[in-house]
Every structure is written in C-alpha cells, then in structure tokens.
Amino acid sequence: AGSYFVEALTEEIESRANELIAKVDDLGGSVNAIEFITNEIDESAWGY
C-alpha cells in the first residue's frame, strides 16, 4: 500500500476492467456475452 508503482497499477487495472465490464453489460451480461468474452480471451492467448 502506498507504493507509487503498485497504486498506479491498481488504478489502471480497475479502470480498464471497468471498461470491459461496461461492454459486457451492454451485451446483456455474461450469459449473453459468452461469444464476446471467449473471443477477447482467444485474442489475448494468441498475443502471449
């Protein structure tokens, strides 16, 4: 707590994750967003 680096990372993770949650909400929630979530993860896996 209070680390410049970790507090900045915490804020970045939270704000970026909230943007993704908003997209899933727009699709009607997780039950209706299975294809979207799967595609996002697949793209990340390819990136690794």
All heavy atoms as atom14 arrays in JSON, in Angstrom:
{
  "sequence": "AGSYFVEALTEEIESRANELIAKVDDLGGSVNAIEFITNEIDESAWGY",
  "atom14_mask": [
    [1, 1, 1, 1, 1, 0, 0, 0, 0, 0, 0, 0, 0, 0],
    [1, 1, 1, 1, 0, 0, 0, 0, 0, 0, 0, 0, 0, 0],
    [1, 1, 1, 1, 1, 1, 0, 0, 0, 0, 0, 0, 0, 0],
    [1, 1, 1, 1, 1, 1, 1, 1, 1, 1, 1, 1, 0, 0],
    [1, 1, 1, 1, 1, 1, 1, 1, 1, 1, 1, 0, 0, 0],
    [1, 1, 1, 1, 1, 1, 1, 0, 0, 0, 0, 0, 0, 0],
    [1, 1, 1, 1, 1, 1, 1, 1, 1, 0, 0, 0, 0, 0],
    [1, 1, 1, 1, 1, 0, 0, 0, 0, 0, 0, 0, 0, 0],
    [1, 1, 1, 1, 1, 1, 1, 1, 0, 0, 0, 0, 0, 0],
    [1, 1, 1, 1, 1, 1, 1, 0, 0, 0, 0, 0, 0, 0],
    [1, 1, 1, 1, 1, 1, 1, 1, 1, 0, 0, 0, 0, 0],
    [1, 1, 1, 1, 1, 1, 1, 1, 1, 0, 0, 0, 0, 0],
    [1, 1, 1, 1, 1, 1, 1, 1, 0, 0, 0, 0, 0, 0],
    [1, 1, 1, 1, 1, 1, 1, 1, 1, 0, 0, 0, 0, 0],
    [1, 1, 1, 1, 1, 1, 0, 0, 0, 0, 0, 0, 0, 0],
    [1, 1, 1, 1, 1, 1, 1, 1, 1, 1, 1, 0, 0, 0],
    [1, 1, 1, 1, 1, 0, 0, 0, 0, 0, 0, 0, 0, 0],
    [1, 1, 1, 1, 1, 1, 1, 1, 0, 0, 0, 0, 0, 0],
    [1, 1, 1, 1, 1, 1, 1, 1, 1, 0, 0, 0, 0, 0],
    [1, 1, 1, 1, 1, 1, 1, 1, 0, 0, 0, 0, 0, 0],
    [1, 1, 1, 1, 1, 1, 1, 1, 0, 0, 0, 0, 0, 0],
    [1, 1, 1, 1, 1, 0, 0, 0, 0, 0, 0, 0, 0, 0],
    [1, 1, 1, 1, 1, 1, 1, 1, 1, 0, 0, 0, 0, 0],
    [1, 1, 1, 1, 1, 1, 1, 0, 0, 0, 0, 0, 0, 0],
    [1, 1, 1, 1, 1, 1, 1, 1, 0, 0, 0, 0, 0, 0],
    [1, 1, 1, 1, 1, 1, 1, 1, 0, 0, 0, 0, 0, 0],
    [1, 1, 1, 1, 1, 1, 1, 1, 0, 0, 0, 0, 0, 0],
    [1, 1, 1, 1, 0, 0, 0, 0, 0, 0, 0, 0, 0, 0],
    [1, 1, 1, 1, 0, 0, 0, 0, 0, 0, 0, 0, 0, 0],
    [1, 1, 1, 1, 1, 1, 0, 0, 0, 0, 0, 0, 0, 0],
    [1, 1, 1, 1, 1, 1, 1, 0, 0, 0, 0, 0, 0, 0],
    [1, 1, 1, 1, 1, 1, 1, 1, 0, 0, 0, 0, 0, 0],
    [1, 1, 1, 1, 1, 0, 0, 0, 0, 0, 0, 0, 0, 0],
    [1, 1, 1, 1, 1, 1, 1, 1, 0, 0, 0, 0, 0, 0],
    [1, 1, 1, 1, 1, 1, 1, 1, 1, 0, 0, 0, 0, 0],
    [1, 1, 1, 1, 1, 1, 1, 1, 1, 1, 1, 0, 0, 0],
    [1, 1, 1, 1, 1, 1, 1, 1, 0, 0, 0, 0, 0, 0],
    [1, 1, 1, 1, 1, 1, 1, 0, 0, 0, 0, 0, 0, 0],
    [1, 1, 1, 1, 1, 1, 1, 1, 0, 0, 0, 0, 0, 0],
    [1, 1, 1, 1, 1, 1, 1, 1, 1, 0, 0, 0, 0, 0],
    [1, 1, 1, 1, 1, 1, 1, 1, 0, 0, 0, 0, 0, 0],
    [1, 1, 1, 1, 1, 1, 1, 1, 0, 0, 0, 0, 0, 0],
    [1, 1, 1, 1, 1, 1, 1, 1, 1, 0, 0, 0, 0, 0],
    [1, 1, 1, 1, 1, 1, 0, 0, 0, 0, 0, 0, 0, 0],
    [1, 1, 1, 1, 1, 0, 0, 0, 0, 0, 0, 0, 0, 0],
    [1, 1, 1, 1, 1, 1, 1, 1, 1, 1, 1, 1, 1, 1],
    [1, 1, 1, 1, 0, 0, 0, 0, 0, 0, 0, 0, 0, 0],
    [1, 1, 1, 1, 1, 1, 1, 1, 1, 1, 1, 1, 0, 0]
  ],
  "atom14_positions": [
    [[0.84, -1.21, 0.0], [0.0, 0.0, 0.0], [0.86, 1.24, 0.0], [1.86, 1.33, 0.71], [-0.91, 0.01, 1.22], [0.0, 0.0, 0.0], [0.0, 0.0, 0.0], [0.0, 0.0, 0.0], [0.0, 0.0, 0.0], [0.0, 0.0, 0.0], [0.0, 0.0, 0.0], [0.0, 0.0, 0.0], [0.0, 0.0, 0.0], [0.0, 0.0, 0.0]],
    [[0.49, 2.21, -0.83], [1.22, 3.46, -0.9], [2.38, 3.45, -1.87], [2.95, 4.5, -2.17], [0.0, 0.0, 0.0], [0.0, 0.0, 0.0], [0.0, 0.0, 0.0], [0.0, 0.0, 0.0], [0.0, 0.0, 0.0], [0.0, 0.0, 0.0], [0.0, 0.0, 0.0], [0.0, 0.0, 0.0], [0.0, 0.0, 0.0], [0.0, 0.0, 0.0]],
    [[2.75, 2.28, -2.36], [3.8, 2.22, -3.39], [3.35, 2.99, -4.62], [2.25, 2.77, -5.13], [4.07, 0.75, -3.76], [4.66, 0.64, -5.03], [0.0, 0.0, 0.0], [0.0, 0.0, 0.0], [0.0, 0.0, 0.0], [0.0, 0.0, 0.0], [0.0, 0.0, 0.0], [0.0, 0.0, 0.0], [0.0, 0.0, 0.0], [0.0, 0.0, 0.0]],
    [[4.19, 3.89, -5.1], [3.81, 4.66, -6.29], [3.43, 3.72, -7.44], [2.43, 3.93, -8.13], [4.96, 5.56, -6.74], [5.51, 6.51, -5.7], [6.86, 6.88, -5.71], [4.7, 7.04, -4.69], [7.38, 7.76, -4.76], [5.21, 7.91, -3.74], [6.56, 8.26, -3.78], [7.08, 9.11, -2.84], [0.0, 0.0, 0.0], [0.0, 0.0, 0.0]],
    [[4.27, 2.71, -7.63], [4.07, 1.79, -8.75], [2.8, 0.96, -8.55], [1.94, 0.87, -9.44], [5.3, 0.88, -8.86], [5.28, -0.11, -9.99], [4.64, 0.16, -11.2], [5.93, -1.34, -9.85], [4.64, -0.75, -12.24], [5.94, -2.25, -10.89], [5.29, -1.97, -12.08], [0.0, 0.0, 0.0], [0.0, 0.0, 0.0], [0.0, 0.0, 0.0]],
    [[2.65, 0.33, -7.39], [1.52, -0.58, -7.17], [0.19, 0.19, -7.14], [-0.82, -0.28, -7.68], [1.73, -1.4, -5.89], [0.46, -2.19, -5.53], [2.91, -2.36, -6.07], [0.0, 0.0, 0.0], [0.0, 0.0, 0.0], [0.0, 0.0, 0.0], [0.0, 0.0, 0.0], [0.0, 0.0, 0.0], [0.0, 0.0, 0.0], [0.0, 0.0, 0.0]],
    [[0.18, 1.37, -6.54], [-1.07, 2.14, -6.53], [-1.45, 2.59, -7.94], [-2.64, 2.58, -8.31], [-0.97, 3.35, -5.59], [-0.79, 3.01, -4.11], [-1.98, 2.27, -3.5], [-2.99, 2.04, -4.2], [-1.89, 1.92, -2.31], [0.0, 0.0, 0.0], [0.0, 0.0, 0.0], [0.0, 0.0, 0.0], [0.0, 0.0, 0.0], [0.0, 0.0, 0.0]],
    [[-0.46, 2.94, -8.76], [-0.76, 3.31, -10.14], [-1.28, 2.1, -10.92], [-2.24, 2.22, -11.7], [0.49, 3.88, -10.82], [0.0, 0.0, 0.0], [0.0, 0.0, 0.0], [0.0, 0.0, 0.0], [0.0, 0.0, 0.0], [0.0, 0.0, 0.0], [0.0, 0.0, 0.0], [0.0, 0.0, 0.0], [0.0, 0.0, 0.0], [0.0, 0.0, 0.0]],
    [[-0.65, 0.95, -10.71], [-1.13, -0.27, -11.38], [-2.54, -0.63, -10.92], [-3.38, -1.04, -11.73], [-0.19, -1.43, -11.07], [1.08, -1.59, -11.91], [1.9, -2.76, -11.38], [0.73, -1.81, -13.37], [0.0, 0.0, 0.0], [0.0, 0.0, 0.0], [0.0, 0.0, 0.0], [0.0, 0.0, 0.0], [0.0, 0.0, 0.0], [0.0, 0.0, 0.0]],
    [[-2.8, -0.51, -9.64], [-4.13, -0.83, -9.11], [-5.18, 0.02, -9.79], [-6.24, -0.47, -10.22], [-4.16, -0.62, -7.59], [-3.15, -1.43, -6.96], [-5.52, -0.97, -7.01], [0.0, 0.0, 0.0], [0.0, 0.0, 0.0], [0.0, 0.0, 0.0], [0.0, 0.0, 0.0], [0.0, 0.0, 0.0], [0.0, 0.0, 0.0], [0.0, 0.0, 0.0]],
    [[-4.91, 1.32, -9.91], [-5.86, 2.23, -10.55], [-6.05, 1.88, -12.02], [-7.18, 1.89, -12.54], [-5.35, 3.67, -10.41], [-6.26, 4.72, -11.01], [-7.55, 4.91, -10.23], [-7.6, 4.47, -9.06], [-8.5, 5.49, -10.8], [0.0, 0.0, 0.0], [0.0, 0.0, 0.0], [0.0, 0.0, 0.0], [0.0, 0.0, 0.0], [0.0, 0.0, 0.0]],
    [[-4.96, 1.56, -12.72], [-5.06, 1.22, -14.14], [-5.86, -0.06, -14.35], [-6.7, -0.14, -15.26], [-3.66, 1.05, -14.74], [-2.98, 2.35, -15.1], [-3.65, 3.04, -16.29], [-4.12, 2.34, -17.21], [-3.72, 4.27, -16.28], [0.0, 0.0, 0.0], [0.0, 0.0, 0.0], [0.0, 0.0, 0.0], [0.0, 0.0, 0.0], [0.0, 0.0, 0.0]],
    [[-5.58, -1.07, -13.56], [-6.32, -2.33, -13.69], [-7.8, -2.11, -13.44], [-8.66, -2.59, -14.19], [-5.74, -3.39, -12.74], [-4.35, -3.82, -13.22], [-6.67, -4.6, -12.61], [-3.6, -4.69, -12.23], [0.0, 0.0, 0.0], [0.0, 0.0, 0.0], [0.0, 0.0, 0.0], [0.0, 0.0, 0.0], [0.0, 0.0, 0.0], [0.0, 0.0, 0.0]],
    [[-8.13, -1.35, -12.4], [-9.53, -1.12, -12.07], [-10.24, -0.36, -13.2], [-11.34, -0.76, -13.63], [-9.64, -0.34, -10.77], [-11.08, -0.06, -10.37], [-11.21, 0.52, -8.97], [-10.22, 0.49, -8.22], [-12.32, 0.99, -8.63], [0.0, 0.0, 0.0], [0.0, 0.0, 0.0], [0.0, 0.0, 0.0], [0.0, 0.0, 0.0], [0.0, 0.0, 0.0]],
    [[-9.65, 0.69, -13.69], [-10.34, 1.49, -14.71], [-10.48, 0.72, -16.02], [-11.54, 0.78, -16.67], [-9.61, 2.82, -14.92], [-8.29, 2.62, -15.36], [0.0, 0.0, 0.0], [0.0, 0.0, 0.0], [0.0, 0.0, 0.0], [0.0, 0.0, 0.0], [0.0, 0.0, 0.0], [0.0, 0.0, 0.0], [0.0, 0.0, 0.0], [0.0, 0.0, 0.0]],
    [[-9.46, -0.03, -16.42], [-9.56, -0.8, -17.66], [-10.54, -1.96, -17.51], [-11.28, -2.28, -18.45], [-8.18, -1.31, -18.08], [-7.22, -0.18, -18.46], [-5.87, -0.7, -18.92], [-4.9, 0.4, -19.0], [-3.96, 0.52, -19.93], [-3.86, -0.4, -20.88], [-3.13, 1.53, -19.9], [0.0, 0.0, 0.0], [0.0, 0.0, 0.0], [0.0, 0.0, 0.0]],
    [[-10.56, -2.59, -16.35], [-11.52, -3.67, -16.12], [-12.95, -3.14, -16.12], [-13.86, -3.79, -16.64], [-11.2, -4.38, -14.81], [0.0, 0.0, 0.0], [0.0, 0.0, 0.0], [0.0, 0.0, 0.0], [0.0, 0.0, 0.0], [0.0, 0.0, 0.0], [0.0, 0.0, 0.0], [0.0, 0.0, 0.0], [0.0, 0.0, 0.0], [0.0, 0.0, 0.0]],
    [[-13.16, -1.97, -15.55], [-14.5, -1.38, -15.55], [-14.99, -1.1, -16.97], [-16.19, -1.23, -17.27], [-14.53, -0.1, -14.72], [-14.76, -0.37, -13.25], [-15.49, -1.29, -12.88], [-14.15, 0.43, -12.38], [0.0, 0.0, 0.0], [0.0, 0.0, 0.0], [0.0, 0.0, 0.0], [0.0, 0.0, 0.0], [0.0, 0.0, 0.0], [0.0, 0.0, 0.0]],
    [[-14.08, -0.73, -17.87], [-14.46, -0.52, -19.26], [-14.92, -1.82, -19.91], [-15.89, -1.84, -20.67], [-13.29, 0.09, -20.04], [-12.96, 1.52, -19.64], [-11.66, 2.02, -20.25], [-11.06, 1.28, -21.07], [-11.24, 3.15, -19.91], [0.0, 0.0, 0.0], [0.0, 0.0, 0.0], [0.0, 0.0, 0.0], [0.0, 0.0, 0.0], [0.0, 0.0, 0.0]],
    [[-14.25, -2.91, -19.6], [-14.67, -4.21, -20.13], [-16.01, -4.64, -19.55], [-16.86, -5.19, -20.26], [-13.61, -5.26, -19.82], [-12.52, -5.51, -20.86], [-11.58, -6.62, -20.38], [-13.12, -5.89, -22.22], [0.0, 0.0, 0.0], [0.0, 0.0, 0.0], [0.0, 0.0, 0.0], [0.0, 0.0, 0.0], [0.0, 0.0, 0.0], [0.0, 0.0, 0.0]],
    [[-16.2, -4.41, -18.25], [-17.48, -4.76, -17.62], [-18.62, -4.01, -18.29], [-19.71, -4.56, -18.53], [-17.44, -4.47, -16.11], [-16.5, -5.46, -15.42], [-18.83, -4.57, -15.49], [-16.24, -5.17, -13.96], [0.0, 0.0, 0.0], [0.0, 0.0, 0.0], [0.0, 0.0, 0.0], [0.0, 0.0, 0.0], [0.0, 0.0, 0.0], [0.0, 0.0, 0.0]],
    [[-18.4, -2.74, -18.62], [-19.43, -1.95, -19.3], [-19.79, -2.55, -20.65], [-20.97, -2.56, -21.05], [-18.95, -0.51, -19.47], [0.0, 0.0, 0.0], [0.0, 0.0, 0.0], [0.0, 0.0, 0.0], [0.0, 0.0, 0.0], [0.0, 0.0, 0.0], [0.0, 0.0, 0.0], [0.0, 0.0, 0.0], [0.0, 0.0, 0.0], [0.0, 0.0, 0.0]],
    [[-18.8, -3.1, -21.37], [-19.09, -3.74, -22.66], [-19.95, -4.99, -22.46], [-20.88, -5.24, -23.23], [-17.78, -4.1, -23.36], [-16.99, -2.9, -23.85], [-15.73, -3.35, -24.57], [-14.92, -2.16, -25.04], [-13.7, -2.56, -25.76], [0.0, 0.0, 0.0], [0.0, 0.0, 0.0], [0.0, 0.0, 0.0], [0.0, 0.0, 0.0], [0.0, 0.0, 0.0]],
    [[-19.62, -5.79, -21.44], [-20.41, -6.99, -21.17], [-21.82, -6.6, -20.75], [-22.81, -7.22, -21.18], [-19.71, -7.86, -20.11], [-20.6, -9.04, -19.7], [-18.38, -8.37, -20.64], [0.0, 0.0, 0.0], [0.0, 0.0, 0.0], [0.0, 0.0, 0.0], [0.0, 0.0, 0.0], [0.0, 0.0, 0.0], [0.0, 0.0, 0.0], [0.0, 0.0, 0.0]],
    [[-21.95, -5.57, -19.94], [-23.28, -5.07, -19.56], [-24.09, -4.69, -20.79], [-25.28, -4.99, -20.89], [-23.16, -3.87, -18.63], [-22.79, -4.23, -17.2], [-22.92, -5.43, -16.84], [-22.39, -3.34, -16.44], [0.0, 0.0, 0.0], [0.0, 0.0, 0.0], [0.0, 0.0, 0.0], [0.0, 0.0, 0.0], [0.0, 0.0, 0.0], [0.0, 0.0, 0.0]],
    [[-23.45, -4.01, -21.74], [-24.15, -3.58, -22.95], [-24.66, -4.77, -23.77], [-25.65, -4.65, -24.5], [-23.22, -2.72, -23.82], [-22.96, -1.34, -23.23], [-23.72, -0.93, -22.32], [-21.99, -0.69, -23.65], [0.0, 0.0, 0.0], [0.0, 0.0, 0.0], [0.0, 0.0, 0.0], [0.0, 0.0, 0.0], [0.0, 0.0, 0.0], [0.0, 0.0, 0.0]],
    [[-23.99, -5.91, -23.63], [-24.4, -7.11, -24.36], [-25.46, -7.92, -23.59], [-25.93, -8.95, -24.08], [-23.19, -8.0, -24.63], [-22.17, -7.43, -25.63], [-20.88, -8.25, -25.61], [-22.75, -7.4, -27.04], [0.0, 0.0, 0.0], [0.0, 0.0, 0.0], [0.0, 0.0, 0.0], [0.0, 0.0, 0.0], [0.0, 0.0, 0.0], [0.0, 0.0, 0.0]],
    [[-25.81, -7.45, -22.41], [-26.84, -8.12, -21.63], [-26.3, -9.01, -20.53], [-27.03, -9.85, -19.99], [0.0, 0.0, 0.0], [0.0, 0.0, 0.0], [0.0, 0.0, 0.0], [0.0, 0.0, 0.0], [0.0, 0.0, 0.0], [0.0, 0.0, 0.0], [0.0, 0.0, 0.0], [0.0, 0.0, 0.0], [0.0, 0.0, 0.0], [0.0, 0.0, 0.0]],
    [[-25.02, -8.84, -20.18], [-24.43, -9.62, -19.11], [-23.72, -10.87, -19.6], [-23.78, -11.22, -20.79], [0.0, 0.0, 0.0], [0.0, 0.0, 0.0], [0.0, 0.0, 0.0], [0.0, 0.0, 0.0], [0.0, 0.0, 0.0], [0.0, 0.0, 0.0], [0.0, 0.0, 0.0], [0.0, 0.0, 0.0], [0.0, 0.0, 0.0], [0.0, 0.0, 0.0]],
    [[-23.04, -11.56, -18.69], [-22.18, -12.68, -19.05], [-22.91, -13.79, -19.8], [-22.36, -14.37, -20.74], [-21.54, -13.28, -17.79], [-20.49, -12.48, -17.32], [0.0, 0.0, 0.0], [0.0, 0.0, 0.0], [0.0, 0.0, 0.0], [0.0, 0.0, 0.0], [0.0, 0.0, 0.0], [0.0, 0.0, 0.0], [0.0, 0.0, 0.0], [0.0, 0.0, 0.0]],
    [[-24.12, -14.11, -19.39], [-24.85, -15.2, -20.03], [-25.03, -14.92, -21.51], [-24.99, -15.83, -22.34], [-26.2, -15.43, -19.33], [-27.03, -16.46, -20.08], [-25.99, -15.87, -17.88], [0.0, 0.0, 0.0], [0.0, 0.0, 0.0], [0.0, 0.0, 0.0], [0.0, 0.0, 0.0], [0.0, 0.0, 0.0], [0.0, 0.0, 0.0], [0.0, 0.0, 0.0]],
    [[-25.21, -13.65, -21.87], [-25.43, -13.27, -23.26], [-24.14, -12.83, -23.97], [-24.18, -12.52, -25.16], [-26.46, -12.13, -23.34], [-27.8, -12.54, -22.78], [-28.37, -13.55, -23.2], [-28.31, -11.78, -21.83], [0.0, 0.0, 0.0], [0.0, 0.0, 0.0], [0.0, 0.0, 0.0], [0.0, 0.0, 0.0], [0.0, 0.0, 0.0], [0.0, 0.0, 0.0]],
    [[-23.04, -12.8, -23.24], [-21.79, -12.3, -23.81], [-20.73, -13.38, -23.9], [-19.54, -13.08, -24.0], [-21.27, -11.13, -22.96], [0.0, 0.0, 0.0], [0.0, 0.0, 0.0], [0.0, 0.0, 0.0], [0.0, 0.0, 0.0], [0.0, 0.0, 0.0], [0.0, 0.0, 0.0], [0.0, 0.0, 0.0], [0.0, 0.0, 0.0], [0.0, 0.0, 0.0]],
    [[-21.15, -14.65, -23.89], [-20.19, -15.76, -23.9], [-19.28, -15.68, -25.12], [-18.06, -15.84, -25.02], [-20.93, -17.1, -23.83], [-21.57, -17.27, -22.44], [-19.98, -18.26, -24.13], [-22.48, -18.48, -22.32], [0.0, 0.0, 0.0], [0.0, 0.0, 0.0], [0.0, 0.0, 0.0], [0.0, 0.0, 0.0], [0.0, 0.0, 0.0], [0.0, 0.0, 0.0]],
    [[-19.84, -15.4, -26.28], [-19.03, -15.35, -27.5], [-18.04, -14.19, -27.45], [-16.86, -14.34, -27.81], [-19.92, -15.22, -28.73], [-19.14, -15.24, -30.05], [-20.03, -15.28, -31.27], [-21.27, -15.3, -31.11], [-19.49, -15.27, -32.39], [0.0, 0.0, 0.0], [0.0, 0.0, 0.0], [0.0, 0.0, 0.0], [0.0, 0.0, 0.0], [0.0, 0.0, 0.0]],
    [[-18.49, -13.02, -26.99], [-17.59, -11.86, -26.88], [-16.43, -12.14, -25.94], [-15.26, -11.89, -26.27], [-18.38, -10.63, -26.39], [-17.51, -9.48, -25.96], [-16.88, -8.66, -26.89], [-17.3, -9.21, -24.61], [-16.07, -7.62, -26.49], [-16.49, -8.16, -24.2], [-15.87, -7.36, -25.15], [0.0, 0.0, 0.0], [0.0, 0.0, 0.0], [0.0, 0.0, 0.0]],
    [[-16.74, -12.67, -24.75], [-15.69, -12.94, -23.77], [-14.7, -13.97, -24.31], [-13.48, -13.82, -24.18], [-16.32, -13.41, -22.44], [-17.15, -12.27, -21.82], [-15.25, -13.86, -21.46], [-17.99, -12.7, -20.62], [0.0, 0.0, 0.0], [0.0, 0.0, 0.0], [0.0, 0.0, 0.0], [0.0, 0.0, 0.0], [0.0, 0.0, 0.0], [0.0, 0.0, 0.0]],
    [[-15.23, -15.02, -24.93], [-14.37, -16.05, -25.49], [-13.43, -15.48, -26.54], [-12.22, -15.78, -26.57], [-15.22, -17.17, -26.11], [-16.08, -17.73, -25.11], [-14.35, -18.28, -26.68], [0.0, 0.0, 0.0], [0.0, 0.0, 0.0], [0.0, 0.0, 0.0], [0.0, 0.0, 0.0], [0.0, 0.0, 0.0], [0.0, 0.0, 0.0], [0.0, 0.0, 0.0]],
    [[-13.94, -14.62, -27.41], [-13.11, -14.02, -28.45], [-12.03, -13.12, -27.87], [-10.88, -13.11, -28.35], [-13.98, -13.23, -29.43], [-14.84, -14.12, -30.3], [-14.55, -15.3, -30.46], [-15.89, -13.56, -30.87], [0.0, 0.0, 0.0], [0.0, 0.0, 0.0], [0.0, 0.0, 0.0], [0.0, 0.0, 0.0], [0.0, 0.0, 0.0], [0.0, 0.0, 0.0]],
    [[-12.36, -12.36, -26.84], [-11.37, -11.5, -26.19], [-10.23, -12.33, -25.59], [-9.05, -11.98, -25.74], [-12.04, -10.66, -25.1], [-13.0, -9.6, -25.61], [-12.28, -8.45, -26.3], [-11.58, -7.7, -25.61], [-12.43, -8.33, -27.53], [0.0, 0.0, 0.0], [0.0, 0.0, 0.0], [0.0, 0.0, 0.0], [0.0, 0.0, 0.0], [0.0, 0.0, 0.0]],
    [[-10.6, -13.41, -24.93], [-9.57, -14.26, -24.31], [-8.73, -14.94, -25.39], [-7.5, -15.05, -25.25], [-10.22, -15.29, -23.37], [-10.9, -14.57, -22.19], [-9.19, -16.28, -22.85], [-11.71, -15.49, -21.29], [0.0, 0.0, 0.0], [0.0, 0.0, 0.0], [0.0, 0.0, 0.0], [0.0, 0.0, 0.0], [0.0, 0.0, 0.0], [0.0, 0.0, 0.0]],
    [[-9.37, -15.39, -26.46], [-8.62, -16.04, -27.54], [-7.59, -15.09, -28.14], [-6.46, -15.49, -28.45], [-9.57, -16.53, -28.63], [-10.35, -17.76, -28.21], [-9.99, -18.37, -27.18], [-11.33, -18.11, -28.9], [0.0, 0.0, 0.0], [0.0, 0.0, 0.0], [0.0, 0.0, 0.0], [0.0, 0.0, 0.0], [0.0, 0.0, 0.0], [0.0, 0.0, 0.0]],
    [[-7.96, -13.83, -28.3], [-7.02, -12.86, -28.86], [-5.84, -12.64, -27.92], [-4.68, -12.53, -28.35], [-7.73, -11.54, -29.17], [-6.87, -10.57, -29.94], [-7.65, -9.35, -30.44], [-8.88, -9.37, -30.37], [-6.98, -8.4, -30.87], [0.0, 0.0, 0.0], [0.0, 0.0, 0.0], [0.0, 0.0, 0.0], [0.0, 0.0, 0.0], [0.0, 0.0, 0.0]],
    [[-6.14, -12.58, -26.62], [-5.07, -12.42, -25.64], [-4.14, -13.64, -25.65], [-2.91, -13.49, -25.59], [-5.67, -12.23, -24.24], [-4.66, -12.2, -23.26], [0.0, 0.0, 0.0], [0.0, 0.0, 0.0], [0.0, 0.0, 0.0], [0.0, 0.0, 0.0], [0.0, 0.0, 0.0], [0.0, 0.0, 0.0], [0.0, 0.0, 0.0], [0.0, 0.0, 0.0]],
    [[-4.71, -14.85, -25.74], [-3.91, -16.07, -25.75], [-2.96, -16.08, -26.96], [-1.8, -16.47, -26.85], [-4.82, -17.29, -25.77], [0.0, 0.0, 0.0], [0.0, 0.0, 0.0], [0.0, 0.0, 0.0], [0.0, 0.0, 0.0], [0.0, 0.0, 0.0], [0.0, 0.0, 0.0], [0.0, 0.0, 0.0], [0.0, 0.0, 0.0], [0.0, 0.0, 0.0]],
    [[-3.46, -15.64, -28.1], [-2.61, -15.55, -29.29], [-1.46, -14.56, -29.03], [-0.32, -14.79, -29.42], [-3.42, -15.11, -30.5], [-2.55, -14.87, -31.7], [-2.11, -15.79, -32.6], [-2.01, -13.61, -32.12], [-1.32, -15.2, -33.56], [-1.24, -13.86, -33.3], [-2.08, -12.31, -31.64], [-0.56, -12.85, -33.96], [-1.41, -11.3, -32.31], [-0.66, -11.57, -33.46]],
    [[-1.77, -13.47, -28.35], [-0.75, -12.46, -28.06], [0.37, -13.01, -27.19], [1.56, -12.73, -27.43], [0.0, 0.0, 0.0], [0.0, 0.0, 0.0], [0.0, 0.0, 0.0], [0.0, 0.0, 0.0], [0.0, 0.0, 0.0], [0.0, 0.0, 0.0], [0.0, 0.0, 0.0], [0.0, 0.0, 0.0], [0.0, 0.0, 0.0], [0.0, 0.0, 0.0]],
    [[0.0, -13.8, -26.16], [1.04, -14.45, -25.34], [1.98, -15.26, -26.21], [3.21, -15.14, -26.13], [0.39, -15.4, -24.32], [-0.06, -14.8, -23.02], [-1.42, -14.75, -22.7], [0.85, -14.31, -22.1], [-1.86, -14.24, -21.5], [0.43, -13.8, -20.88], [-0.93, -13.75, -20.59], [-1.36, -13.24, -19.39], [0.0, 0.0, 0.0], [0.0, 0.0, 0.0]]
  ]
}
